[in-house]
């Protein structure tokens, strides 16, 4: 995700907005290793992010436990 949205830049401190919650800005505070996520329907994977459970969007119940 960092390489896609902030190529040749430091992503720490950058902000993003989630598609379903455009009024809220999220700040990048760390970068995780590359993770391959494939949707249950076998479709193409997409860049992802980790969000603390306590900060999850109400009504968004999609979670992945590893």
C-alpha atoms as a PDB file:
ATOM      1  CA  UNK A   1       0.000   0.000   0.000  1.00  0.00           C
ATOM      2  CA  UNK A   2       2.790   2.407   0.900  1.00  0.00           C
ATOM      3  CA  UNK A   3       4.593   1.742  -2.393  1.00  0.00           C
ATOM      4  CA  UNK A   4       1.381   2.219  -4.365  1.00  0.00           C
ATOM      5  CA  UNK A   5       0.124   5.429  -2.759  1.00  0.00           C
ATOM      6  CA  UNK A   6       3.405   7.110  -1.716  1.00  0.00           C
ATOM      7  CA  UNK A   7       6.096   5.917  -4.144  1.00  0.00           C
ATOM      8  CA  UNK A   8       9.575   7.233  -3.276  1.00  0.00           C
ATOM      9  CA  UNK A   9       8.162   8.994  -0.197  1.00  0.00           C
ATOM     10  CA  UNK A  10       8.093   8.324   3.515  1.00  0.00           C
ATOM     11  CA  UNK A  11       4.525   7.146   4.228  1.00  0.00           C
ATOM     12  CA  UNK A  12       4.776   7.850   7.984  1.00  0.00           C
ATOM     13  CA  UNK A  13       2.612  10.874   8.770  1.00  0.00           C
ATOM     14  CA  UNK A  14       0.690  10.676   5.501  1.00  0.00           C
ATOM     15  CA  UNK A  15      -3.099  10.503   5.748  1.00  0.00           C
ATOM     16  CA  UNK A  16      -5.744   8.466   3.975  1.00  0.00           C
ATOM     17  CA  UNK A  17      -9.526   8.257   3.918  1.00  0.00           C
ATOM     18  CA  UNK A  18     -11.508   5.053   3.769  1.00  0.00           C
ATOM     19  CA  UNK A  19     -13.967   4.673   0.896  1.00  0.00           C
ATOM     20  CA  UNK A  20     -16.993   4.262   3.167  1.00  0.00           C
ATOM     21  CA  UNK A  21     -16.025   6.968   5.671  1.00  0.00           C
ATOM     22  CA  UNK A  22     -14.672   9.959   3.760  1.00  0.00           C
ATOM     23  CA  UNK A  23     -15.065  12.485   6.588  1.00  0.00           C
ATOM     24  CA  UNK A  24     -12.461  10.716   8.756  1.00  0.00           C
ATOM     25  CA  UNK A  25      -8.751  10.965   8.003  1.00  0.00           C
ATOM     26  CA  UNK A  26      -6.396   8.228   9.194  1.00  0.00           C
ATOM     27  CA  UNK A  27      -2.703   8.911   9.769  1.00  0.00           C
ATOM     28  CA  UNK A  28      -0.059   6.337   8.857  1.00  0.00           C
ATOM     29  CA  UNK A  29       1.936   5.570  12.026  1.00  0.00           C
ATOM     30  CA  UNK A  30       3.808   2.455  10.928  1.00  0.00           C
ATOM     31  CA  UNK A  31       4.484   0.088   8.061  1.00  0.00           C
ATOM     32  CA  UNK A  32       4.032  -3.696   8.207  1.00  0.00           C
ATOM     33  CA  UNK A  33       5.658  -6.288   5.984  1.00  0.00           C
ATOM     34  CA  UNK A  34       4.060  -7.254   2.705  1.00  0.00           C
ATOM     35  CA  UNK A  35       0.977  -9.372   3.259  1.00  0.00           C
ATOM     36  CA  UNK A  36      -0.948 -11.149   0.519  1.00  0.00           C
ATOM     37  CA  UNK A  37      -4.674 -11.004   1.085  1.00  0.00           C
ATOM     38  CA  UNK A  38      -6.955 -12.874  -1.285  1.00  0.00           C
ATOM     39  CA  UNK A  39     -10.697 -12.295  -0.998  1.00  0.00           C
ATOM     40  CA  UNK A  40     -12.914 -15.287  -0.211  1.00  0.00           C
ATOM     41  CA  UNK A  41     -14.334 -15.221  -3.731  1.00  0.00           C
ATOM     42  CA  UNK A  42     -10.841 -15.725  -5.177  1.00  0.00           C
ATOM     43  CA  UNK A  43     -10.750 -12.258  -6.728  1.00  0.00           C
ATOM     44  CA  UNK A  44      -7.730  -9.997  -7.016  1.00  0.00           C
ATOM     45  CA  UNK A  45      -6.081  -8.883  -3.777  1.00  0.00           C
ATOM     46  CA  UNK A  46      -5.790  -5.204  -2.929  1.00  0.00           C
ATOM     47  CA  UNK A  47      -3.570  -3.007  -0.760  1.00  0.00           C
ATOM     48  CA  UNK A  48      -4.571  -3.242   2.859  1.00  0.00           C
ATOM     49  CA  UNK A  49      -4.097  -1.638   6.215  1.00  0.00           C
ATOM     50  CA  UNK A  50      -4.332  -2.541   9.859  1.00  0.00           C
ATOM     51  CA  UNK A  51      -6.645  -0.536  12.084  1.00  0.00           C
ATOM     52  CA  UNK A  52      -6.871  -1.045  15.864  1.00  0.00           C
ATOM     53  CA  UNK A  53     -10.112  -2.748  16.857  1.00  0.00           C
ATOM     54  CA  UNK A  54     -11.029   0.137  19.149  1.00  0.00           C
ATOM     55  CA  UNK A  55     -10.882   2.494  16.165  1.00  0.00           C
ATOM     56  CA  UNK A  56     -12.928   0.350  13.798  1.00  0.00           C
ATOM     57  CA  UNK A  57     -15.818   1.919  11.961  1.00  0.00           C
ATOM     58  CA  UNK A  58     -19.195   1.174  13.522  1.00  0.00           C
ATOM     59  CA  UNK A  59     -21.088  -1.244  11.342  1.00  0.00           C
ATOM     60  CA  UNK A  60     -17.919  -2.560   9.728  1.00  0.00           C
ATOM     61  CA  UNK A  61     -17.692  -6.108  11.042  1.00  0.00           C
ATOM     62  CA  UNK A  62     -15.106  -7.453   8.577  1.00  0.00           C
ATOM     63  CA  UNK A  63     -12.139  -8.855  10.479  1.00  0.00           C
ATOM     64  CA  UNK A  64      -9.325 -11.224   9.660  1.00  0.00           C
ATOM     65  CA  UNK A  65      -7.608 -13.169  12.431  1.00  0.00           C
ATOM     66  CA  UNK A  66      -4.224 -14.678  11.713  1.00  0.00           C
END
